[in-house]
Amino acid sequence: TEAEWQTEVETLLRIYGWEWLHVRKSLGKRGGATAWQ
């Protein structure tokens, strides 16, 4: 899944000394409807 793939990438980043920011999705409004953003 995309979440599993991200975990793999984050593991490699950690191994090679990288830091990162991941902006998480949250529920919001888009066009008057609730949507992930």
PDB file of all heavy atoms in Angstrom:
ATOM      1  N   THR A   1       0.861  -1.178   0.000  1.00  0.00           N
ATOM      2  CA  THR A   1       0.000   0.000   0.000  1.00  0.00           C
ATOM      3  C   THR A   1       0.903   1.236   0.000  1.00  0.00           C
ATOM      4  O   THR A   1       2.105   1.140   0.260  1.00  0.00           O
ATOM      5  CB  THR A   1      -0.891   0.039   1.246  1.00  0.00           C
ATOM      6  OG1 THR A   1      -0.046   0.203   2.398  1.00  0.00           O
ATOM      7  CG2 THR A   1      -1.731  -1.226   1.377  1.00  0.00           C
ATOM      8  N   GLU A   2       0.333   2.395  -0.241  1.00  0.00           N
ATOM      9  CA  GLU A   2       1.129   3.622  -0.209  1.00  0.00           C
ATOM     10  C   GLU A   2       1.709   3.855   1.190  1.00  0.00           C
ATOM     11  O   GLU A   2       2.850   4.288   1.337  1.00  0.00           O
ATOM     12  CB  GLU A   2       0.296   4.819  -0.644  1.00  0.00           C
ATOM     13  CG  GLU A   2       1.129   6.078  -0.792  1.00  0.00           C
ATOM     14  CD  GLU A   2       0.385   7.220  -1.437  1.00  0.00           C
ATOM     15  OE1 GLU A   2      -0.376   6.996  -2.390  1.00  0.00           O
ATOM     16  OE2 GLU A   2       0.594   8.360  -0.979  1.00  0.00           O
ATOM     17  N   ALA A   3       0.935   3.541   2.236  1.00  0.00           N
ATOM     18  CA  ALA A   3       1.424   3.704   3.618  1.00  0.00           C
ATOM     19  C   ALA A   3       2.607   2.770   3.896  1.00  0.00           C
ATOM     20  O   ALA A   3       3.589   3.168   4.535  1.00  0.00           O
ATOM     21  CB  ALA A   3       0.300   3.447   4.606  1.00  0.00           C
ATOM     22  N   GLU A   4       2.540   1.535   3.414  1.00  0.00           N
ATOM     23  CA  GLU A   4       3.653   0.595   3.598  1.00  0.00           C
ATOM     24  C   GLU A   4       4.883   1.057   2.820  1.00  0.00           C
ATOM     25  O   GLU A   4       6.008   0.963   3.309  1.00  0.00           O
ATOM     26  CB  GLU A   4       3.239  -0.810   3.151  1.00  0.00           C
ATOM     27  CG  GLU A   4       2.203  -1.440   4.054  1.00  0.00           C
ATOM     28  CD  GLU A   4       1.581  -2.689   3.454  1.00  0.00           C
ATOM     29  OE1 GLU A   4       1.488  -2.790   2.198  1.00  0.00           O
ATOM     30  OE2 GLU A   4       1.178  -3.560   4.225  1.00  0.00           O
ATOM     31  N   TRP A   5       4.666   1.558   1.615  1.00  0.00           N
ATOM     32  CA  TRP A   5       5.751   2.063   0.786  1.00  0.00           C
ATOM     33  C   TRP A   5       6.432   3.246   1.487  1.00  0.00           C
ATOM     34  O   TRP A   5       7.642   3.345   1.535  1.00  0.00           O
ATOM     35  CB  TRP A   5       5.200   2.457  -0.570  1.00  0.00           C
ATOM     36  CG  TRP A   5       6.111   3.094  -1.573  1.00  0.00           C
ATOM     37  CD1 TRP A   5       5.803   4.158  -2.356  1.00  0.00           C
ATOM     38  CD2 TRP A   5       7.439   2.712  -1.947  1.00  0.00           C
ATOM     39  NE1 TRP A   5       6.869   4.467  -3.176  1.00  0.00           N
ATOM     40  CE2 TRP A   5       7.886   3.589  -2.937  1.00  0.00           C
ATOM     41  CE3 TRP A   5       8.308   1.716  -1.523  1.00  0.00           C
ATOM     42  CZ2 TRP A   5       9.149   3.516  -3.510  1.00  0.00           C
ATOM     43  CZ3 TRP A   5       9.565   1.634  -2.095  1.00  0.00           C
ATOM     44  CH2 TRP A   5       9.971   2.523  -3.079  1.00  0.00           C
ATOM     45  N   GLN A   6       5.612   4.134   2.075  1.00  0.00           N
ATOM     46  CA  GLN A   6       6.165   5.281   2.793  1.00  0.00           C
ATOM     47  C   GLN A   6       7.011   4.823   3.982  1.00  0.00           C
ATOM     48  O   GLN A   6       8.085   5.381   4.231  1.00  0.00           O
ATOM     49  CB  GLN A   6       5.059   6.211   3.274  1.00  0.00           C
ATOM     50  CG  GLN A   6       5.608   7.423   3.991  1.00  0.00           C
ATOM     51  CD  GLN A   6       4.573   8.472   4.240  1.00  0.00           C
ATOM     52  OE1 GLN A   6       3.658   8.661   3.447  1.00  0.00           O
ATOM     53  NE2 GLN A   6       4.710   9.183   5.338  1.00  0.00           N
ATOM     54  N   THR A   7       6.573   3.800   4.696  1.00  0.00           N
ATOM     55  CA  THR A   7       7.352   3.260   5.814  1.00  0.00           C
ATOM     56  C   THR A   7       8.705   2.761   5.332  1.00  0.00           C
ATOM     57  O   THR A   7       9.735   2.989   5.985  1.00  0.00           O
ATOM     58  CB  THR A   7       6.573   2.131   6.521  1.00  0.00           C
ATOM     59  OG1 THR A   7       5.355   2.676   7.039  1.00  0.00           O
ATOM     60  CG2 THR A   7       7.367   1.516   7.652  1.00  0.00           C
ATOM     61  N   GLU A   8       8.739   2.079   4.193  1.00  0.00           N
ATOM     62  CA  GLU A   8       9.999   1.597   3.621  1.00  0.00           C
ATOM     63  C   GLU A   8      10.925   2.768   3.277  1.00  0.00           C
ATOM     64  O   GLU A   8      12.117   2.742   3.571  1.00  0.00           O
ATOM     65  CB  GLU A   8       9.741   0.753   2.367  1.00  0.00           C
ATOM     66  CG  GLU A   8       8.977  -0.526   2.617  1.00  0.00           C
ATOM     67  CD  GLU A   8       9.780  -1.571   3.358  1.00  0.00           C
ATOM     68  OE1 GLU A   8      11.020  -1.547   3.298  1.00  0.00           O
ATOM     69  OE2 GLU A   8       9.160  -2.428   4.005  1.00  0.00           O
ATOM     70  N   VAL A   9      10.371   3.807   2.650  1.00  0.00           N
ATOM     71  CA  VAL A   9      11.165   4.977   2.275  1.00  0.00           C
ATOM     72  C   VAL A   9      11.701   5.667   3.530  1.00  0.00           C
ATOM     73  O   VAL A   9      12.871   6.036   3.597  1.00  0.00           O
ATOM     74  CB  VAL A   9      10.334   5.950   1.413  1.00  0.00           C
ATOM     75  CG1 VAL A   9      11.052   7.274   1.219  1.00  0.00           C
ATOM     76  CG2 VAL A   9      10.002   5.319   0.062  1.00  0.00           C
ATOM     77  N   GLU A  10      10.846   5.824   4.555  1.00  0.00           N
ATOM     78  CA  GLU A  10      11.285   6.465   5.800  1.00  0.00           C
ATOM     79  C   GLU A  10      12.393   5.662   6.485  1.00  0.00           C
ATOM     80  O   GLU A  10      13.319   6.241   7.062  1.00  0.00           O
ATOM     81  CB  GLU A  10      10.108   6.657   6.741  1.00  0.00           C
ATOM     82  CG  GLU A  10       9.153   7.742   6.258  1.00  0.00           C
ATOM     83  CD  GLU A  10       7.900   7.853   7.110  1.00  0.00           C
ATOM     84  OE1 GLU A  10       7.676   6.994   7.994  1.00  0.00           O
ATOM     85  OE2 GLU A  10       7.130   8.810   6.883  1.00  0.00           O
ATOM     86  N   THR A  11      12.328   4.347   6.400  1.00  0.00           N
ATOM     87  CA  THR A  11      13.390   3.511   6.962  1.00  0.00           C
ATOM     88  C   THR A  11      14.716   3.800   6.269  1.00  0.00           C
ATOM     89  O   THR A  11      15.753   3.959   6.916  1.00  0.00           O
ATOM     90  CB  THR A  11      13.026   2.018   6.844  1.00  0.00           C
ATOM     91  OG1 THR A  11      11.834   1.777   7.598  1.00  0.00           O
ATOM     92  CG2 THR A  11      14.142   1.125   7.351  1.00  0.00           C
ATOM     93  N   LEU A  12      14.690   3.875   4.943  1.00  0.00           N
ATOM     94  CA  LEU A  12      15.909   4.186   4.193  1.00  0.00           C
ATOM     95  C   LEU A  12      16.417   5.593   4.512  1.00  0.00           C
ATOM     96  O   LEU A  12      17.626   5.812   4.662  1.00  0.00           O
ATOM     97  CB  LEU A  12      15.668   4.046   2.695  1.00  0.00           C
ATOM     98  CG  LEU A  12      15.571   2.614   2.186  1.00  0.00           C
ATOM     99  CD1 LEU A  12      15.117   2.595   0.733  1.00  0.00           C
ATOM    100  CD2 LEU A  12      16.896   1.894   2.348  1.00  0.00           C
ATOM    101  N   LEU A  13      15.513   6.554   4.622  1.00  0.00           N
ATOM    102  CA  LEU A  13      15.920   7.909   4.983  1.00  0.00           C
ATOM    103  C   LEU A  13      16.648   7.912   6.333  1.00  0.00           C
ATOM    104  O   LEU A  13      17.698   8.532   6.484  1.00  0.00           O
ATOM    105  CB  LEU A  13      14.705   8.838   5.035  1.00  0.00           C
ATOM    106  CG  LEU A  13      14.060   9.193   3.695  1.00  0.00           C
ATOM    107  CD1 LEU A  13      12.718   9.870   3.921  1.00  0.00           C
ATOM    108  CD2 LEU A  13      14.979  10.077   2.861  1.00  0.00           C
ATOM    109  N   ARG A  14      16.080   7.205   7.290  1.00  0.00           N
ATOM    110  CA  ARG A  14      16.672   7.128   8.631  1.00  0.00           C
ATOM    111  C   ARG A  14      18.063   6.494   8.569  1.00  0.00           C
ATOM    112  O   ARG A  14      19.019   6.999   9.159  1.00  0.00           O
ATOM    113  CB  ARG A  14      15.750   6.331   9.552  1.00  0.00           C
ATOM    114  CG  ARG A  14      16.137   6.356  11.010  1.00  0.00           C
ATOM    115  CD  ARG A  14      15.130   5.627  11.897  1.00  0.00           C
ATOM    116  NE  ARG A  14      13.805   6.258  11.855  1.00  0.00           N
ATOM    117  CZ  ARG A  14      12.733   5.729  11.252  1.00  0.00           C
ATOM    118  NH1 ARG A  14      12.796   4.559  10.652  1.00  0.00           N
ATOM    119  NH2 ARG A  14      11.578   6.361  11.261  1.00  0.00           N
ATOM    120  N   ILE A  15      18.197   5.390   7.839  1.00  0.00           N
ATOM    121  CA  ILE A  15      19.475   4.681   7.714  1.00  0.00           C
ATOM    122  C   ILE A  15      20.553   5.606   7.144  1.00  0.00           C
ATOM    123  O   ILE A  15      21.692   5.595   7.596  1.00  0.00           O
ATOM    124  CB  ILE A  15      19.320   3.421   6.832  1.00  0.00           C
ATOM    125  CG1 ILE A  15      18.537   2.344   7.596  1.00  0.00           C
ATOM    126  CG2 ILE A  15      20.679   2.887   6.383  1.00  0.00           C
ATOM    127  CD1 ILE A  15      18.098   1.168   6.735  1.00  0.00           C
ATOM    128  N   TYR A  16      20.180   6.428   6.149  1.00  0.00           N
ATOM    129  CA  TYR A  16      21.156   7.280   5.477  1.00  0.00           C
ATOM    130  C   TYR A  16      21.261   8.684   6.072  1.00  0.00           C
ATOM    131  O   TYR A  16      21.881   9.565   5.482  1.00  0.00           O
ATOM    132  CB  TYR A  16      20.859   7.334   3.976  1.00  0.00           C
ATOM    133  CG  TYR A  16      21.204   6.024   3.312  1.00  0.00           C
ATOM    134  CD1 TYR A  16      20.223   5.097   3.011  1.00  0.00           C
ATOM    135  CD2 TYR A  16      22.526   5.702   3.029  1.00  0.00           C
ATOM    136  CE1 TYR A  16      20.546   3.879   2.421  1.00  0.00           C
ATOM    137  CE2 TYR A  16      22.852   4.479   2.444  1.00  0.00           C
ATOM    138  CZ  TYR A  16      21.853   3.583   2.147  1.00  0.00           C
ATOM    139  OH  TYR A  16      22.180   2.382   1.573  1.00  0.00           O
ATOM    140  N   GLY A  17      20.681   8.891   7.245  1.00  0.00           N
ATOM    141  CA  GLY A  17      20.879  10.142   7.968  1.00  0.00           C
ATOM    142  C   GLY A  17      20.020  11.318   7.538  1.00  0.00           C
ATOM    143  O   GLY A  17      20.359  12.465   7.813  1.00  0.00           O
ATOM    144  N   TRP A  18      18.907  11.041   6.886  1.00  0.00           N
ATOM    145  CA  TRP A  18      18.010  12.106   6.450  1.00  0.00           C
ATOM    146  C   TRP A  18      16.933  12.349   7.505  1.00  0.00           C
ATOM    147  O   TRP A  18      16.540  11.446   8.239  1.00  0.00           O
ATOM    148  CB  TRP A  18      17.329  11.733   5.137  1.00  0.00           C
ATOM    149  CG  TRP A  18      18.237  11.792   3.956  1.00  0.00           C
ATOM    150  CD1 TRP A  18      19.189  10.875   3.615  1.00  0.00           C
ATOM    151  CD2 TRP A  18      18.295  12.813   2.985  1.00  0.00           C
ATOM    152  NE1 TRP A  18      19.833  11.267   2.475  1.00  0.00           N
ATOM    153  CE2 TRP A  18      19.310  12.454   2.058  1.00  0.00           C
ATOM    154  CE3 TRP A  18      17.591  13.996   2.786  1.00  0.00           C
ATOM    155  CZ2 TRP A  18      19.616  13.236   0.956  1.00  0.00           C
ATOM    156  CZ3 TRP A  18      17.906  14.768   1.686  1.00  0.00           C
ATOM    157  CH2 TRP A  18      18.911  14.399   0.787  1.00  0.00           C
ATOM    158  N   GLU A  19      16.429  13.573   7.548  1.00  0.00           N
ATOM    159  CA  GLU A  19      15.252  13.924   8.338  1.00  0.00           C
ATOM    160  C   GLU A  19      14.145  14.275   7.356  1.00  0.00           C
ATOM    161  O   GLU A  19      14.420  14.566   6.187  1.00  0.00           O
ATOM    162  CB  GLU A  19      15.563  15.122   9.238  1.00  0.00           C
ATOM    163  CG  GLU A  19      16.680  14.843  10.231  1.00  0.00           C
ATOM    164  CD  GLU A  19      17.046  16.077  11.013  1.00  0.00           C
ATOM    165  OE1 GLU A  19      16.248  16.497  11.868  1.00  0.00           O
ATOM    166  OE2 GLU A  19      18.131  16.634  10.737  1.00  0.00           O
ATOM    167  N   TRP A  20      12.889  14.272   7.820  1.00  0.00           N
ATOM    168  CA  TRP A  20      11.807  14.553   6.888  1.00  0.00           C
ATOM    169  C   TRP A  20      10.593  15.115   7.609  1.00  0.00           C
ATOM    170  O   TRP A  20      10.426  14.981   8.808  1.00  0.00           O
ATOM    171  CB  TRP A  20      11.409  13.300   6.105  1.00  0.00           C
ATOM    172  CG  TRP A  20      10.868  12.199   6.956  1.00  0.00           C
ATOM    173  CD1 TRP A  20       9.557  11.961   7.277  1.00  0.00           C
ATOM    174  CD2 TRP A  20      11.613  11.192   7.624  1.00  0.00           C
ATOM    175  NE1 TRP A  20       9.454  10.863   8.087  1.00  0.00           N
ATOM    176  CE2 TRP A  20      10.706  10.376   8.322  1.00  0.00           C
ATOM    177  CE3 TRP A  20      12.972  10.897   7.706  1.00  0.00           C
ATOM    178  CZ2 TRP A  20      11.104   9.293   9.083  1.00  0.00           C
ATOM    179  CZ3 TRP A  20      13.364   9.820   8.472  1.00  0.00           C
ATOM    180  CH2 TRP A  20      12.437   9.027   9.139  1.00  0.00           C
ATOM    181  N   LEU A  21       9.762  15.750   6.794  1.00  0.00           N
ATOM    182  CA  LEU A  21       8.469  16.267   7.229  1.00  0.00           C
ATOM    183  C   LEU A  21       7.406  15.568   6.406  1.00  0.00           C
ATOM    184  O   LEU A  21       7.513  15.497   5.176  1.00  0.00           O
ATOM    185  CB  LEU A  21       8.395  17.785   6.975  1.00  0.00           C
ATOM    186  CG  LEU A  21       7.007  18.407   7.095  1.00  0.00           C
ATOM    187  CD1 LEU A  21       6.554  18.414   8.559  1.00  0.00           C
ATOM    188  CD2 LEU A  21       7.003  19.811   6.525  1.00  0.00           C
ATOM    189  N   HIS A  22       6.416  15.041   7.096  1.00  0.00           N
ATOM    190  CA  HIS A  22       5.259  14.445   6.416  1.00  0.00           C
ATOM    191  C   HIS A  22       4.028  15.199   6.885  1.00  0.00           C
ATOM    192  O   HIS A  22       3.699  15.181   8.062  1.00  0.00           O
ATOM    193  CB  HIS A  22       5.129  12.956   6.756  1.00  0.00           C
ATOM    194  CG  HIS A  22       3.853  12.345   6.267  1.00  0.00           C
ATOM    195  ND1 HIS A  22       3.555  12.244   4.925  1.00  0.00           N
ATOM    196  CD2 HIS A  22       2.805  11.822   6.926  1.00  0.00           C
ATOM    197  CE1 HIS A  22       2.357  11.669   4.798  1.00  0.00           C
ATOM    198  NE2 HIS A  22       1.896  11.412   5.996  1.00  0.00           N
ATOM    199  N   VAL A  23       3.377  15.911   5.958  1.00  0.00           N
ATOM    200  CA  VAL A  23       2.147  16.634   6.285  1.00  0.00           C
ATOM    201  C   VAL A  23       1.000  15.651   6.137  1.00  0.00           C
ATOM    202  O   VAL A  23       0.723  15.159   5.044  1.00  0.00           O
ATOM    203  CB  VAL A  23       1.948  17.860   5.359  1.00  0.00           C
ATOM    204  CG1 VAL A  23       0.660  18.583   5.705  1.00  0.00           C
ATOM    205  CG2 VAL A  23       3.141  18.795   5.469  1.00  0.00           C
ATOM    206  N   ARG A  24       0.380  15.341   7.250  1.00  0.00           N
ATOM    207  CA  ARG A  24      -0.686  14.337   7.249  1.00  0.00           C
ATOM    208  C   ARG A  24      -1.999  14.906   6.718  1.00  0.00           C
ATOM    209  O   ARG A  24      -2.272  16.082   6.849  1.00  0.00           O
ATOM    210  CB  ARG A  24      -0.890  13.803   8.653  1.00  0.00           C
ATOM    211  CG  ARG A  24       0.367  13.174   9.198  1.00  0.00           C
ATOM    212  CD  ARG A  24       0.104  12.459  10.510  1.00  0.00           C
ATOM    213  NE  ARG A  24       1.339  12.024  11.126  1.00  0.00           N
ATOM    214  CZ  ARG A  24       2.071  11.001  10.738  1.00  0.00           C
ATOM    215  NH1 ARG A  24       1.687  10.295   9.710  1.00  0.00           N
ATOM    216  NH2 ARG A  24       3.181  10.671  11.364  1.00  0.00           N
ATOM    217  N   LYS A  25      -2.796  14.020   6.151  1.00  0.00           N
ATOM    218  CA  LYS A  25      -4.108  14.425   5.663  1.00  0.00           C
ATOM    219  C   LYS A  25      -5.076  14.526   6.835  1.00  0.00           C
ATOM    220  O   LYS A  25      -4.949  13.817   7.819  1.00  0.00           O
ATOM    221  CB  LYS A  25      -4.625  13.427   4.631  1.00  0.00           C
ATOM    222  CG  LYS A  25      -3.788  13.416   3.378  1.00  0.00           C
ATOM    223  CD  LYS A  25      -4.413  12.569   2.312  1.00  0.00           C
ATOM    224  CE  LYS A  25      -3.492  12.499   1.131  1.00  0.00           C
ATOM    225  NZ  LYS A  25      -3.798  13.325   0.061  1.00  0.00           N
ATOM    226  N   SER A  26      -6.032  15.427   6.698  1.00  0.00           N
ATOM    227  CA  SER A  26      -7.062  15.578   7.719  1.00  0.00           C
ATOM    228  C   SER A  26      -8.388  15.822   7.016  1.00  0.00           C
ATOM    229  O   SER A  26      -8.433  16.163   5.835  1.00  0.00           O
ATOM    230  CB  SER A  26      -6.722  16.730   8.662  1.00  0.00           C
ATOM    231  OG  SER A  26      -6.683  17.939   7.948  1.00  0.00           O
ATOM    232  N   LEU A  27      -9.464  15.648   7.750  1.00  0.00           N
ATOM    233  CA  LEU A  27     -10.785  15.892   7.179  1.00  0.00           C
ATOM    234  C   LEU A  27     -11.044  17.382   7.131  1.00  0.00           C
ATOM    235  O   LEU A  27     -10.794  18.103   8.103  1.00  0.00           O
ATOM    236  CB  LEU A  27     -11.872  15.197   7.999  1.00  0.00           C
ATOM    237  CG  LEU A  27     -11.990  13.694   7.789  1.00  0.00           C
ATOM    238  CD1 LEU A  27     -13.022  13.101   8.737  1.00  0.00           C
ATOM    239  CD2 LEU A  27     -12.366  13.372   6.358  1.00  0.00           C
ATOM    240  N   GLY A  28     -11.533  17.843   6.013  1.00  0.00           N
ATOM    241  CA  GLY A  28     -11.862  19.250   5.838  1.00  0.00           C
ATOM    242  C   GLY A  28     -13.056  19.364   4.903  1.00  0.00           C
ATOM    243  O   GLY A  28     -13.722  18.378   4.605  1.00  0.00           O
ATOM    244  N   LYS A  29     -13.314  20.549   4.455  1.00  0.00           N
ATOM    245  CA  LYS A  29     -14.434  20.792   3.537  1.00  0.00           C
ATOM    246  C   LYS A  29     -13.905  21.186   2.167  1.00  0.00           C
ATOM    247  O   LYS A  29     -12.983  21.989   2.046  1.00  0.00           O
ATOM    248  CB  LYS A  29     -15.319  21.915   4.067  1.00  0.00           C
ATOM    249  CG  LYS A  29     -16.024  21.592   5.362  1.00  0.00           C
ATOM    250  CD  LYS A  29     -17.183  20.670   5.113  1.00  0.00           C
ATOM    251  CE  LYS A  29     -17.956  20.464   6.417  1.00  0.00           C
ATOM    252  NZ  LYS A  29     -19.024  19.520   6.266  1.00  0.00           N
ATOM    253  N   ARG A  30     -14.454  20.575   1.151  1.00  0.00           N
ATOM    254  CA  ARG A  30     -14.118  20.924  -0.232  1.00  0.00           C
ATOM    255  C   ARG A  30     -15.419  20.956  -1.011  1.00  0.00           C
ATOM    256  O   ARG A  30     -16.102  19.939  -1.125  1.00  0.00           O
ATOM    257  CB  ARG A  30     -13.156  19.916  -0.829  1.00  0.00           C
ATOM    258  CG  ARG A  30     -12.659  20.326  -2.203  1.00  0.00           C
ATOM    259  CD  ARG A  30     -11.677  19.343  -2.822  1.00  0.00           C
ATOM    260  NE  ARG A  30     -10.586  19.019  -1.919  1.00  0.00           N
ATOM    261  CZ  ARG A  30     -10.144  17.782  -1.703  1.00  0.00           C
ATOM    262  NH1 ARG A  30     -10.691  16.773  -2.322  1.00  0.00           N
ATOM    263  NH2 ARG A  30      -9.148  17.563  -0.872  1.00  0.00           N
ATOM    264  N   GLY A  31     -15.777  22.129  -1.509  1.00  0.00           N
ATOM    265  CA  GLY A  31     -17.035  22.262  -2.246  1.00  0.00           C
ATOM    266  C   GLY A  31     -18.249  21.961  -1.388  1.00  0.00           C
ATOM    267  O   GLY A  31     -19.241  21.432  -1.873  1.00  0.00           O
ATOM    268  N   GLY A  32     -18.154  22.250  -0.098  1.00  0.00           N
ATOM    269  CA  GLY A  32     -19.267  22.022   0.822  1.00  0.00           C
ATOM    270  C   GLY A  32     -19.367  20.604   1.346  1.00  0.00           C
ATOM    271  O   GLY A  32     -20.183  20.310   2.209  1.00  0.00           O
ATOM    272  N   ALA A  33     -18.537  19.698   0.850  1.00  0.00           N
ATOM    273  CA  ALA A  33     -18.571  18.299   1.287  1.00  0.00           C
ATOM    274  C   ALA A  33     -17.318  17.982   2.106  1.00  0.00           C
ATOM    275  O   ALA A  33     -16.266  18.573   1.911  1.00  0.00           O
ATOM    276  CB  ALA A  33     -18.650  17.370   0.079  1.00  0.00           C
ATOM    277  N   THR A  34     -17.447  17.030   3.019  1.00  0.00           N
ATOM    278  CA  THR A  34     -16.303  16.577   3.795  1.00  0.00           C
ATOM    279  C   THR A  34     -15.377  15.777   2.888  1.00  0.00           C
ATOM    280  O   THR A  34     -15.819  14.921   2.125  1.00  0.00           O
ATOM    281  CB  THR A  34     -16.763  15.697   4.973  1.00  0.00           C
ATOM    282  OG1 THR A  34     -17.640  16.476   5.786  1.00  0.00           O
ATOM    283  CG2 THR A  34     -15.606  15.228   5.812  1.00  0.00           C
ATOM    284  N   ALA A  35     -14.079  16.086   2.966  1.00  0.00           N
ATOM    285  CA  ALA A  35     -13.104  15.421   2.097  1.00  0.00           C
ATOM    286  C   ALA A  35     -11.750  15.381   2.777  1.00  0.00           C
ATOM    287  O   ALA A  35     -11.446  16.223   3.623  1.00  0.00           O
ATOM    288  CB  ALA A  35     -12.995  16.158   0.764  1.00  0.00           C
ATOM    289  N   TRP A  36     -10.924  14.393   2.410  1.00  0.00           N
ATOM    290  CA  TRP A  36      -9.557  14.343   2.903  1.00  0.00           C
ATOM    291  C   TRP A  36      -8.742  15.399   2.188  1.00  0.00           C
ATOM    292  O   TRP A  36      -8.848  15.564   0.983  1.00  0.00           O
ATOM    293  CB  TRP A  36      -8.929  12.969   2.648  1.00  0.00           C
ATOM    294  CG  TRP A  36      -9.451  11.910   3.539  1.00  0.00           C
ATOM    295  CD1 TRP A  36     -10.333  10.923   3.207  1.00  0.00           C
ATOM    296  CD2 TRP A  36      -9.144  11.720   4.922  1.00  0.00           C
ATOM    297  NE1 TRP A  36     -10.599  10.142   4.295  1.00  0.00           N
ATOM    298  CE2 TRP A  36      -9.872  10.594   5.363  1.00  0.00           C
ATOM    299  CE3 TRP A  36      -8.331  12.387   5.836  1.00  0.00           C
ATOM    300  CZ2 TRP A  36      -9.808  10.132   6.673  1.00  0.00           C
ATOM    301  CZ3 TRP A  36      -8.261  11.917   7.141  1.00  0.00           C
ATOM    302  CH2 TRP A  36      -8.987  10.809   7.544  1.00  0.00           C
ATOM    303  N   GLN A  37      -7.919  16.121   2.940  1.00  0.00           N
ATOM    304  CA  GLN A  37      -7.055  17.121   2.335  1.00  0.00           C
ATOM    305  C   GLN A  37      -5.779  17.268   3.146  1.00  0.00           C
ATOM    306  O   GLN A  37      -5.749  16.975   4.330  1.00  0.00           O
ATOM    307  CB  GLN A  37      -7.768  18.461   2.207  1.00  0.00           C
ATOM    308  CG  GLN A  37      -8.253  19.024   3.530  1.00  0.00           C
ATOM    309  CD  GLN A  37      -9.146  20.236   3.331  1.00  0.00           C
ATOM    310  OE1 GLN A  37      -9.826  20.339   2.323  1.00  0.00           O
ATOM    311  NE2 GLN A  37      -9.137  21.135   4.272  1.00  0.00           N
TER     312      GLN A  37
END
